[in-house]
Protein backbone atom coordinates (compact mmCIF):
# COMPACT_ATOMS: atom_id res chain seq x y z
CA MET A 1 -29.07 30.39 -3.27
CA ALA A 2 -29.40 27.77 -6.12
CA GLU A 3 -26.01 28.82 -7.58
CA LYS A 4 -24.71 28.66 -3.80
CA SER A 5 -25.92 25.30 -3.64
CA LEU A 6 -24.78 23.88 -6.94
CA ARG A 7 -21.35 25.55 -6.11
CA PHE A 8 -20.79 23.98 -2.58
CA ALA A 9 -22.27 20.60 -3.93
CA ARG A 10 -19.54 20.79 -6.58
CA ASN A 11 -16.71 21.84 -4.77
CA ILE A 12 -17.40 18.96 -2.65
CA GLY A 13 -17.56 16.30 -5.52
CA PHE A 14 -13.96 17.48 -6.39
CA ASN A 15 -12.56 16.69 -2.52
CA ALA A 16 -15.20 13.29 -2.72
CA LEU A 17 -13.63 12.21 -5.84
CA GLY A 18 -9.89 12.67 -4.27
CA GLN A 19 -10.93 10.67 -1.09
CA ALA A 20 -12.52 7.93 -3.27
CA VAL A 21 -8.90 7.36 -5.13
CA LEU A 22 -7.34 7.29 -1.69
CA ALA A 23 -9.41 4.67 -0.37
CA ALA A 24 -8.78 2.30 -3.14
CA VAL A 25 -5.09 2.96 -2.96
CA ASN A 26 -4.71 2.46 0.84
CA PHE A 27 -7.70 -0.54 0.58
CA PHE A 28 -5.21 -2.67 -1.78
CA VAL A 29 -1.96 -1.41 -0.44
CA VAL A 30 -2.60 -2.09 3.53
CA PRO A 31 -2.91 -6.03 3.40
CA TYR A 32 0.09 -6.24 1.31
CA LEU A 33 2.46 -4.38 4.01
CA VAL A 34 1.00 -5.98 6.76
CA GLY A 35 1.58 -9.55 5.26
CA ARG A 36 4.98 -8.10 4.47
CA PHE A 37 6.22 -6.12 7.16
CA GLY A 38 4.29 -8.41 9.84
CA LEU A 39 2.22 -7.01 12.57
CA GLU A 40 5.32 -5.64 14.90
CA THR A 41 7.03 -3.77 11.97
CA TYR A 42 4.06 -2.32 10.34
CA GLY A 43 3.42 -1.47 14.17
CA ILE A 44 6.63 0.87 13.90
CA TYR A 45 5.18 2.01 10.45
CA ILE A 46 1.92 3.45 12.26
CA ILE A 47 4.14 5.30 14.59
CA LEU A 48 5.85 7.32 11.61
CA HIS A 49 2.41 8.76 10.89
CA ALA A 50 1.36 9.12 14.52
CA ALA A 51 4.46 10.96 14.96
CA ALA A 52 4.04 12.99 11.53
CA SER A 53 0.50 14.25 12.93
CA TYR A 54 1.76 15.29 16.36
CA LEU A 55 4.49 17.90 14.30
CA THR A 56 1.31 18.92 12.76
CA LEU A 57 0.68 20.88 15.92
CA SER A 58 4.13 22.54 15.57
CA SER A 59 1.75 24.63 13.21
CA PHE A 60 -0.10 26.35 16.20
CA GLY A 61 -3.17 26.37 13.93
CA ALA A 62 -1.69 28.65 11.66
CA GLY A 63 -3.77 26.41 8.39
CA SER A 64 -7.19 27.27 9.83
CA ALA A 65 -6.18 30.96 10.32
CA LEU A 66 -5.37 31.18 6.69
CA ILE A 67 -8.47 29.65 5.51
CA LYS A 68 -10.42 31.95 7.33
CA HIS A 69 -8.22 35.19 6.39
CA VAL A 70 -7.37 34.38 2.85
CA ALA A 71 -11.24 33.91 2.01
CA ALA A 72 -12.41 37.14 4.21
CA CYS A 73 -9.60 39.17 2.11
CA ARG A 74 -10.41 37.78 -1.19
CA GLY A 75 -14.59 38.87 -0.39
CA ALA A 76 -13.29 42.51 0.74
CA HIS A 77 -10.31 42.81 -1.97
CA ASP A 78 -8.03 43.46 0.87
CA GLY A 79 -4.43 43.11 -0.99
CA ARG A 80 -2.99 44.24 2.29
CA GLY A 81 -4.75 41.85 4.79
CA MET A 82 -3.88 38.88 2.39
CA ARG A 83 -0.06 39.88 2.44
CA ASP A 84 -0.18 40.32 6.23
CA THR A 85 -1.67 36.77 6.76
CA LEU A 86 0.78 35.30 4.39
CA ARG A 87 3.52 36.89 5.92
CA TYR A 88 2.13 35.59 9.88
CA ALA A 89 1.90 32.21 8.76
CA ALA A 90 5.39 31.82 6.69
CA TRP A 91 6.74 33.05 10.37
CA VAL A 92 4.84 30.41 12.25
CA TYR A 93 5.74 27.29 9.87
CA VAL A 94 9.35 27.82 9.41
CA LEU A 95 9.80 28.55 13.17
CA GLY A 96 7.17 26.50 14.73
CA ALA A 97 7.49 23.17 12.73
CA GLY A 98 11.55 23.80 12.49
CA MET A 99 11.94 23.72 16.36
CA ALA A 100 9.25 21.06 16.67
CA GLY A 101 11.53 18.66 14.07
CA ALA A 102 14.66 19.22 16.04
CA ALA A 103 13.39 18.67 19.33
CA LEU A 104 11.71 15.11 17.91
CA TRP A 105 15.03 14.24 16.18
CA VAL A 106 17.03 14.66 19.45
CA GLY A 107 14.31 13.20 21.48
CA ALA A 108 13.63 10.40 18.74
CA PRO A 109 15.43 7.39 21.79
CA PHE A 110 13.24 8.70 24.56
CA VAL A 111 10.03 9.07 22.32
CA ALA A 112 10.77 5.50 21.20
CA VAL A 113 11.61 4.03 24.54
CA ARG A 114 9.71 5.54 26.88
CA VAL A 115 6.45 6.67 24.81
CA PHE A 116 5.86 4.09 22.59
CA HIS A 117 7.80 1.46 24.56
CA VAL A 118 8.79 -0.43 21.70
CA PRO A 119 11.03 -4.00 22.30
CA GLY A 120 15.08 -3.25 22.88
CA HIS A 121 15.36 -5.13 19.36
CA ALA A 122 12.89 -3.03 17.48
CA VAL A 123 14.39 0.53 19.01
CA PRO A 124 16.85 1.20 16.54
CA LEU A 125 14.78 0.90 13.46
CA ALA A 126 11.76 3.04 15.65
CA VAL A 127 14.67 5.67 16.32
CA PHE A 128 15.23 6.07 12.66
CA VAL A 129 11.84 6.14 11.55
CA LEU A 130 11.29 8.91 14.19
CA ARG A 131 13.99 10.79 13.10
CA CYS A 132 13.08 10.59 9.26
CA ALA A 133 9.38 12.20 10.76
CA ALA A 134 11.23 14.77 12.31
CA ALA A 135 13.20 15.41 8.90
CA GLY A 136 9.76 15.82 6.83
CA GLY A 137 8.10 17.94 9.26
CA LEU A 138 9.19 21.31 7.74
CA PHE A 139 8.23 20.56 4.80
CA VAL A 140 4.70 18.81 5.81
CA GLY A 141 4.00 22.35 7.30
CA LEU A 142 4.69 24.46 4.05
CA GLY A 143 2.71 22.12 1.96
CA GLN A 144 -0.31 22.04 4.38
CA GLY A 145 0.19 25.87 4.53
CA ALA A 146 -0.07 26.09 0.93
CA SER A 147 -2.97 23.48 0.69
CA ALA A 148 -4.80 26.25 3.07
CA VAL A 149 -4.35 28.93 0.82
CA MET A 150 -6.30 26.60 -2.07
CA GLN A 151 -9.16 26.14 -0.07
CA GLY A 152 -9.39 29.51 1.33
CA LEU A 153 -9.25 30.39 -2.33
CA GLN A 154 -12.06 27.96 -2.99
CA ARG A 155 -10.04 26.02 -5.06
CA PHE A 156 -10.60 22.65 -3.78
CA ASP A 157 -9.74 21.03 -7.70
CA TRP A 158 -5.93 22.17 -6.74
CA HIS A 159 -6.26 21.48 -2.61
CA ASN A 160 -7.66 18.14 -4.03
CA ALA A 161 -4.89 17.13 -6.42
CA SER A 162 -2.26 18.05 -3.83
CA ASN A 163 -3.80 15.99 -1.48
CA VAL A 164 -3.85 13.04 -3.72
CA LEU A 165 -0.78 12.89 -5.07
CA LEU A 166 0.90 13.08 -1.43
CA ASN A 167 -1.13 10.44 0.36
CA SER A 168 -1.63 7.94 -2.76
CA ALA A 169 2.33 8.39 -3.52
CA MET A 170 3.53 7.26 0.27
CA PRO A 171 1.58 3.82 0.04
CA LEU A 172 1.74 3.14 -3.67
CA GLY A 173 5.85 3.90 -2.74
CA ALA A 174 5.47 2.07 0.22
CA LEU A 175 4.34 -1.01 -1.66
CA ALA A 176 6.87 -0.74 -4.65
CA LEU A 177 9.77 -0.76 -1.96
CA ALA A 178 8.32 -3.48 0.01
CA ALA A 179 8.08 -5.34 -3.24
CA ALA A 180 11.47 -4.68 -4.47
CA GLY A 181 12.57 -6.21 -1.06
CA SER A 182 13.22 -2.98 0.82
CA GLY A 183 12.69 -2.66 4.53
CA LEU A 184 10.73 0.18 6.63
CA SER A 185 13.58 2.33 6.78
CA VAL A 186 13.81 2.74 3.17
CA VAL A 187 10.12 3.68 3.01
CA ALA A 188 10.76 5.96 5.81
CA GLY A 189 13.35 8.07 3.48
CA TRP A 190 10.65 7.72 0.78
CA TYR A 191 8.27 9.57 3.33
CA VAL A 192 10.71 12.68 3.54
CA ALA A 193 11.81 12.69 -0.52
CA LEU A 194 7.82 12.45 -1.17
CA ASN A 195 7.29 15.34 1.36
CA ILE A 196 9.68 17.50 -0.20
CA ALA A 197 8.70 17.10 -3.66
CA VAL A 198 5.02 17.60 -3.05
CA CYS A 199 5.96 20.57 -0.59
CA ILE A 200 7.74 22.22 -3.39
CA LEU A 201 4.90 22.09 -5.96
CA ALA A 202 2.03 22.93 -3.47
CA CYS A 203 3.91 26.08 -2.83
CA ALA A 204 4.85 26.68 -6.39
CA VAL A 205 0.81 26.16 -7.27
CA GLY A 206 -0.38 27.75 -4.29
CA TRP A 207 1.55 31.21 -5.39
CA ARG A 208 0.57 31.21 -8.52
CA LEU A 209 -3.26 31.23 -7.07
CA LEU A 210 -2.64 33.64 -5.19
CA LEU A 211 -1.15 36.55 -7.51
CA PRO A 212 -4.31 38.33 -8.60
CA SER A 213 -5.32 38.59 -4.85
CA LEU A 214 -1.78 40.22 -3.64
CA GLY A 215 -2.70 43.03 -6.76
CA GLN A 216 -6.09 44.02 -5.35
CA PRO A 217 -5.73 47.56 -3.74
CA ALA A 218 -4.64 47.91 -0.27
CA GLY A 219 -7.32 47.63 2.60
CA LYS A 220 -7.95 47.32 6.40
CA GLY A 221 -5.15 44.39 6.48
CA VAL A 222 -5.17 41.80 9.15
CA THR A 223 -3.36 42.19 12.64
CA PRO A 224 -0.98 39.65 14.01
CA LYS A 225 -3.99 39.58 16.97
CA ALA A 226 -6.20 38.88 15.11
CA PHE A 227 -4.65 35.79 13.14
CA ALA A 228 -3.03 34.64 16.42
CA PHE A 229 -6.65 34.23 17.93
CA TRP A 230 -8.18 32.68 15.35
CA ALA A 231 -4.95 30.38 14.73
CA LEU A 232 -4.66 29.65 18.29
CA THR A 233 -8.16 28.77 18.21
CA ALA A 234 -7.96 26.46 15.77
CA TRP A 235 -5.02 24.82 17.30
CA SER A 236 -6.87 23.97 20.41
CA GLY A 237 -9.17 22.30 18.95
CA ALA A 238 -6.13 20.23 16.71
CA LEU A 239 -4.61 19.29 19.35
CA ALA A 240 -7.69 17.87 21.44
CA TRP A 241 -8.14 15.80 17.99
CA ILE A 242 -4.45 14.70 17.97
CA VAL A 243 -5.45 13.56 21.69
CA SER A 244 -8.43 11.96 21.01
CA TYR A 245 -7.16 9.93 17.61
CA GLN A 246 -3.75 9.85 18.28
CA PHE A 247 -3.24 9.49 21.58
CA ASP A 248 -4.91 5.51 21.45
CA LYS A 249 -1.62 4.40 19.94
CA ILE A 250 0.17 5.16 22.86
CA PHE A 251 -1.52 3.54 25.18
CA ILE A 252 -2.03 0.33 23.22
CA ALA A 253 2.00 0.39 22.98
CA ARG A 254 2.52 1.22 26.48
CA HIS A 255 -0.24 -1.30 27.89
CA LEU A 256 -0.60 -4.10 25.16
CA SER A 257 2.13 -4.53 22.22
CA LEU A 258 3.52 -3.16 18.39
CA SER A 259 0.94 -5.95 16.96
CA ALA A 260 -1.96 -4.93 19.14
CA LEU A 261 -1.45 -1.49 17.76
CA THR A 262 -1.76 -2.78 14.05
CA LEU A 263 -5.01 -4.92 15.27
CA TYR A 264 -6.32 -1.75 16.68
CA SER A 265 -5.33 0.91 14.12
CA VAL A 266 -5.68 -0.58 10.78
CA PRO A 267 -9.50 -0.88 11.06
CA ALA A 268 -9.14 2.01 13.14
CA GLY A 269 -7.63 4.01 10.40
CA LEU A 270 -10.12 2.70 7.54
CA LEU A 271 -13.05 4.33 10.03
CA GLN A 272 -11.31 7.72 10.59
CA ARG A 273 -11.21 8.05 6.70
CA MET A 274 -14.75 8.71 7.07
CA GLN A 275 -14.23 11.53 8.63
CA ILE A 276 -12.51 12.84 5.99
CA ILE A 277 -16.39 13.43 4.43
CA PRO A 278 -17.62 16.14 7.51
CA ALA A 279 -14.07 17.58 7.48
CA MET A 280 -14.09 18.18 3.32
CA VAL A 281 -17.95 19.31 3.67
CA GLY A 282 -16.35 21.65 6.29
CA VAL A 283 -13.28 23.16 4.28
CA VAL A 284 -15.97 23.71 1.57
CA ALA A 285 -18.54 25.09 4.07
CA ILE A 286 -16.40 27.45 6.10
CA PRO A 287 -15.72 30.11 3.48
CA MET A 288 -19.02 30.16 2.02
CA MET A 289 -20.63 30.65 5.75
CA SER A 290 -17.96 33.35 6.30
CA GLU A 291 -19.38 35.42 3.13
CA LEU A 292 -22.78 35.19 4.11
CA GLN A 293 -23.62 39.00 4.92
CA GLY A 294 -26.77 41.18 5.01
CA PRO A 295 -30.33 40.72 6.51
CA ASP A 296 -31.12 37.37 5.10
CA ALA A 297 -27.67 35.82 6.79
CA PRO A 298 -29.46 33.97 9.47
CA GLU A 299 -31.73 32.12 6.99
CA SER A 300 -29.03 31.33 5.10
CA LEU A 301 -27.00 30.16 7.52
CA ARG A 302 -29.81 27.69 8.50
CA ARG A 303 -30.40 26.46 5.07
CA MET A 304 -26.83 26.02 4.47
CA TYR A 305 -26.26 24.36 8.07
CA PHE A 306 -29.44 21.74 7.39
CA LYS A 307 -28.06 20.84 3.79
CA SER A 308 -24.71 20.04 4.53
CA THR A 309 -25.02 17.98 7.88
CA ARG A 310 -27.89 15.88 5.39
CA PHE A 311 -25.54 15.49 2.94
CA VAL A 312 -22.62 14.48 5.37
CA LEU A 313 -25.24 11.91 6.60
CA TRP A 314 -26.43 10.64 3.09
CA ALA A 315 -23.18 10.17 2.15
CA SER A 316 -21.45 8.54 5.37
CA LEU A 317 -24.46 6.44 6.76
CA PRO A 318 -24.62 3.51 4.17
CA ILE A 319 -20.88 3.12 4.16
CA LEU A 320 -20.78 2.96 8.02
CA THR A 321 -24.17 0.50 8.44
CA ALA A 322 -22.75 -2.10 6.01
CA LEU A 323 -19.23 -1.91 7.82
CA PHE A 324 -21.09 -2.33 11.13
CA ALA A 325 -23.53 -5.40 9.76
CA LEU A 326 -20.55 -6.90 7.36
CA MET A 327 -17.08 -6.43 9.89
CA PRO A 328 -16.30 -10.05 10.80
CA GLN A 329 -17.06 -10.83 6.62
CA PHE A 330 -14.58 -7.84 5.49
CA LEU A 331 -11.97 -8.14 7.78
CA SER A 332 -11.56 -11.83 7.00
CA LEU A 333 -11.66 -11.19 3.59
CA TRP A 334 -9.39 -8.28 3.83
CA LEU A 335 -6.49 -9.06 6.15
CA GLY A 336 -7.23 -12.81 7.49
CA GLY A 337 -9.47 -14.68 9.49
CA ASN A 338 -6.76 -14.37 13.04
CA PHE A 339 -6.93 -10.61 12.43
CA SER A 340 -11.04 -10.35 12.16
CA ASP A 341 -11.31 -12.75 15.32
CA ALA A 342 -9.24 -9.81 17.13
CA SER A 343 -10.22 -6.84 15.96
CA CYS A 344 -14.02 -7.45 14.81
CA TRP A 345 -15.59 -5.74 17.82
CA PRO A 346 -13.19 -3.12 18.58
CA ALA A 347 -14.33 -1.97 15.10
CA ARG A 348 -17.91 -2.39 15.20
CA LEU A 349 -17.87 -0.23 17.95
CA LEU A 350 -15.47 2.64 16.11
CA VAL A 351 -18.10 2.52 13.77
CA LEU A 352 -20.80 3.57 16.09
CA GLY A 353 -18.01 6.67 17.57
CA GLN A 354 -17.86 7.66 14.08
CA ALA A 355 -21.79 7.94 12.89
CA ALA A 356 -21.71 10.05 16.22
CA THR A 357 -18.69 11.99 15.12
CA LEU A 358 -20.82 12.77 11.50
CA LEU A 359 -23.19 14.95 13.66
CA ASN A 360 -20.43 17.43 14.86
CA MET A 361 -19.64 18.78 11.20
CA GLY A 362 -22.41 20.94 10.95
CA PRO A 363 -22.55 22.56 14.77
CA ASN A 364 -18.90 22.81 14.57
CA THR A 365 -18.32 24.70 11.25
CA VAL A 366 -21.37 27.01 11.82
CA THR A 367 -19.82 27.98 14.76
CA PHE A 368 -16.27 28.67 13.64
CA SER A 369 -17.28 30.28 10.52
CA ARG A 370 -20.14 32.89 12.37
CA ASP A 371 -17.51 34.55 15.19
CA HIS A 372 -17.88 31.35 17.75
CA PRO A 373 -14.99 29.68 17.64
CA TRP A 374 -14.21 28.65 21.12
CA TYR A 375 -17.55 26.12 20.58
CA MET A 376 -15.47 23.73 18.63
CA PRO A 377 -12.12 23.54 21.02
CA ALA A 378 -14.96 23.25 23.74
CA TRP A 379 -16.38 20.08 22.20
CA ALA A 380 -13.26 18.74 21.21
CA TRP A 381 -11.08 19.10 24.58
CA SER A 382 -14.45 17.82 25.93
CA GLN A 383 -13.86 14.52 24.03
CA ALA A 384 -10.36 14.48 24.84
CA LEU A 385 -10.56 14.42 28.14
CA LEU A 386 -12.95 11.85 28.32
CA SER A 387 -11.01 9.75 26.26
CA LEU A 388 -8.08 10.19 28.20
CA LEU A 389 -9.78 9.24 31.25
CA ALA A 390 -11.43 6.12 30.02
CA TRP A 391 -8.32 4.65 28.27
CA TRP A 392 -6.49 5.06 31.60
CA ILE A 393 -9.23 3.03 33.43
CA LEU A 394 -10.20 0.83 30.68
CA VAL A 395 -7.34 -0.36 28.39
CA PRO A 396 -5.32 -2.24 31.16
CA ARG A 397 -8.57 -3.93 32.49
CA TYR A 398 -10.29 -4.96 28.82
CA GLY A 399 -7.38 -4.25 26.17
CA LEU A 400 -8.43 -3.30 22.62
CA MET A 401 -12.17 -3.27 23.61
CA GLY A 402 -11.02 -0.91 26.36
CA VAL A 403 -9.60 1.50 23.85
CA ALA A 404 -12.90 1.04 21.72
CA TRP A 405 -15.62 1.51 24.47
CA GLY A 406 -13.35 4.59 25.74
CA SER A 407 -13.41 6.37 22.24
CA LEU A 408 -17.16 5.39 21.93
CA ALA A 409 -18.01 7.27 25.40
CA ALA A 410 -15.79 10.06 24.64
CA VAL A 411 -17.55 11.33 21.55
CA ALA A 412 -20.97 10.29 21.78
CA LEU A 413 -21.60 12.46 25.04
CA PRO A 414 -20.24 15.92 24.24
CA THR A 415 -21.49 15.53 20.80
CA ALA A 416 -25.60 15.17 22.26
CA VAL A 417 -24.40 18.39 24.00
CA ASN A 418 -22.52 20.35 20.81
CA VAL A 419 -25.48 19.63 18.77
CA ILE A 420 -28.13 21.23 21.33
CA VAL A 421 -25.96 23.98 22.43
CA VAL A 422 -25.21 24.99 19.02
CA ASN A 423 -28.94 24.69 17.52
CA ARG A 424 -29.96 26.71 20.59
CA ARG A 425 -27.60 29.62 20.80
CA VAL A 426 -26.32 29.98 17.66
CA VAL A 427 -28.66 28.73 14.56
CA GLY A 428 -31.95 29.28 16.47
CA VAL A 429 -33.69 25.73 16.03
CA SER A 430 -35.19 23.26 18.47
CA SER A 431 -33.88 20.12 18.93
CA ARG A 432 -37.37 18.32 17.67
CA TRP A 433 -37.05 20.70 14.46
CA PHE A 434 -33.35 19.92 13.90
CA ALA A 435 -34.49 15.88 14.42
CA ALA A 436 -37.38 16.32 11.80
CA GLU A 437 -35.83 18.13 9.55
CA VAL A 438 -31.90 16.54 9.35
CA LEU A 439 -31.90 13.50 11.10
CA TYR A 440 -35.15 12.30 10.59
CA ALA A 441 -34.45 10.57 6.94
CA PRO A 442 -30.91 10.03 6.92
CA PHE A 443 -31.31 7.79 10.14
CA LEU A 444 -34.59 6.20 8.92
CA SER A 445 -32.82 5.05 5.58
CA ALA A 446 -30.10 3.39 7.69
CA GLY A 447 -32.24 1.86 10.30
CA LEU A 448 -33.84 -0.01 7.01
CA MET A 449 -30.83 -1.18 5.63
CA LEU A 450 -29.05 -2.74 8.40
CA ALA A 451 -32.63 -4.42 8.36
CA VAL A 452 -32.28 -5.94 5.53
CA ILE A 453 -28.48 -6.80 5.58
CA PHE A 454 -27.70 -7.78 9.39
CA PRO A 455 -29.93 -11.23 9.14
CA VAL A 456 -27.83 -12.20 5.95
CA HIS A 457 -24.69 -10.73 6.75
CA GLY A 458 -23.28 -14.42 7.57
CA MET A 459 -23.57 -15.62 3.81
CA ALA A 460 -21.44 -12.79 2.66
CA THR A 461 -18.48 -15.37 2.48
CA GLY A 462 -16.45 -13.84 -0.39
CA TRP A 463 -15.76 -10.75 -2.31
CA GLY A 464 -18.72 -10.82 -5.05
CA ARG A 465 -21.25 -11.99 -1.89
CA LEU A 466 -20.15 -9.53 0.52
CA LEU A 467 -20.62 -6.50 -2.69
CA ALA A 468 -23.80 -8.22 -3.22
CA VAL A 469 -24.91 -7.55 0.06
CA MET A 470 -23.30 -4.00 0.71
CA ALA A 471 -25.44 -3.21 -2.78
CA ALA A 472 -28.36 -4.52 -2.10
CA GLY A 473 -28.28 -2.47 1.34
CA ILE A 474 -27.33 0.67 -0.19
CA ALA A 475 -30.10 0.03 -2.83
CA VAL A 476 -32.48 0.61 0.15
CA PHE A 477 -30.87 3.09 2.02
CA TYR A 478 -30.85 5.57 -0.89
CA GLY A 479 -34.20 4.22 -2.25
CA VAL A 480 -36.00 5.44 1.44
CA THR A 481 -33.95 8.53 1.23
CA TRP A 482 -34.77 9.53 -2.34
CA ALA A 483 -38.79 8.76 -0.96
CA LEU A 484 -37.76 11.24 1.72
CA LEU A 485 -36.21 14.00 -0.06
CA ASN A 486 -37.84 17.64 -0.32
CA ASP A 487 -37.95 19.08 -3.25
CA GLU A 488 -35.42 21.19 -3.24
CA ASP A 489 -32.84 18.66 -2.09
CA ARG A 490 -33.92 16.18 -4.73
CA GLY A 491 -33.54 19.31 -7.68
CA LEU A 492 -29.92 20.04 -6.11
CA ALA A 493 -29.01 16.58 -6.37
CA LYS A 494 -30.72 16.00 -9.65
CA ARG A 495 -28.46 19.16 -11.15
CA PHE A 496 -25.47 17.71 -9.15
CA LEU A 497 -25.43 14.58 -10.35
CA ARG A 498 -26.03 15.86 -13.83
CA TRP A 499 -23.17 18.14 -13.78
CA GLU A 500 -24.87 21.26 -15.05
CA VAL A 501 -25.21 24.76 -14.35
CA ARG A 502 -29.12 25.53 -14.75
CA GLY A 503 -30.88 29.20 -14.14
CA SER A 504 -30.80 30.30 -10.49
CA ALA A 505 -34.64 30.04 -10.29
CA ALA A 506 -35.85 30.76 -6.76
CA PRO A 507 -35.56 28.02 -4.39
CA ARG A 508 -38.46 26.69 -2.49
CA SER A 509 -38.25 26.95 0.92
CA GLU A 510 -37.70 23.97 3.66
CA ARG A 511 -40.40 22.27 4.24
């Protein structure tokens, strides 16, 4: 178990390093692009990425099925199953992404005018941008398939490298083109070219990594029904995620304006990057939980569930706490005082929503990896439907605050139900035990951090002071956390920080 824990931590470390690079790139690029393009044109740039995310639905969950079956077939030395999985996925990606891209290309004028309510003078640019999203759709899908193979093989180094390459080269390329005087149409063309190049590279690397597994002896194989079951179950959850975190853009563009879309989406996009932390823990944990077999599997599952949830909270809560307290100063320094005045309180509500979202990683990972895959889409669709209802009621009346309040309510209520149900029915622990073992230390640390920095947040009038206040708060958070860690988690943290492999001594049990 000690070796598994260290492997778990190191795999997360690869992903964390890459996400830190991406966050830094976007932090420096976004203010320049907003200033260079203006709020309205940057809103169309946001539509490019929103349309690209909608097109990912055309894979019908093939990526999640790839992760699941590639990991399972690798563990079972099932070469036949590996080949079956790749064949099914290839058909889904080529046909699904190809047809969806063609539909968006043809329907781009309708989408620009009737869905996003783009004003007349900006329609030609919006149509061109949407068609660039359509042209890149097939290559985005195939690249994501190759990335899913890397995750299933637990080669998170390669997965992370391809992800960082794509998601850093896009904003950096946009920055270079904008600095050279090019407009958004050229940036949209760069989006297509970049996705073609990264797709070719990712597929080549994924194929090389797969070769040893493809040569394994034939096994039971994977039936189309088994592949489709996992794919469509995951796809249902992905569709719900798109509704919850991308359809708000449609409501804002229709009821408010493209400028309002930028004012909301820039801080929302920054905060949604916090979902990368639970997501990267989840993609590491799913293959590892899927491997658990034998009489010790329930205990091992519980331990991994507790560790992964605590890790997510320890990694995320200090950042969210700092952003909640310092949001007015942060947005003013980053994007200007006028931007902060319009976006500060909606962004603070979104911080609270992200904190609630963190708690879903553990239950969703456990249920998906242990043959209860319908739990995750049930939770996701509860959030999605509540989001649509709340936005429909609140956005026309309260504008951006209505979007934020709707998002917060829609995530908080299903999260509470999801955690309670999975703890009792799947993991076999009470809510009181879960709160004591998992929630107590991270949230106590966050509360003490907030008590320290919120009273002095008005003093953070420059980047130096803001960073100093954040550093003081984070020191409080991790100081309290370290004091509250149990012996096993403290030992794991030491081994992870020193990046060394030690003997697999029997770990001490959870307290």
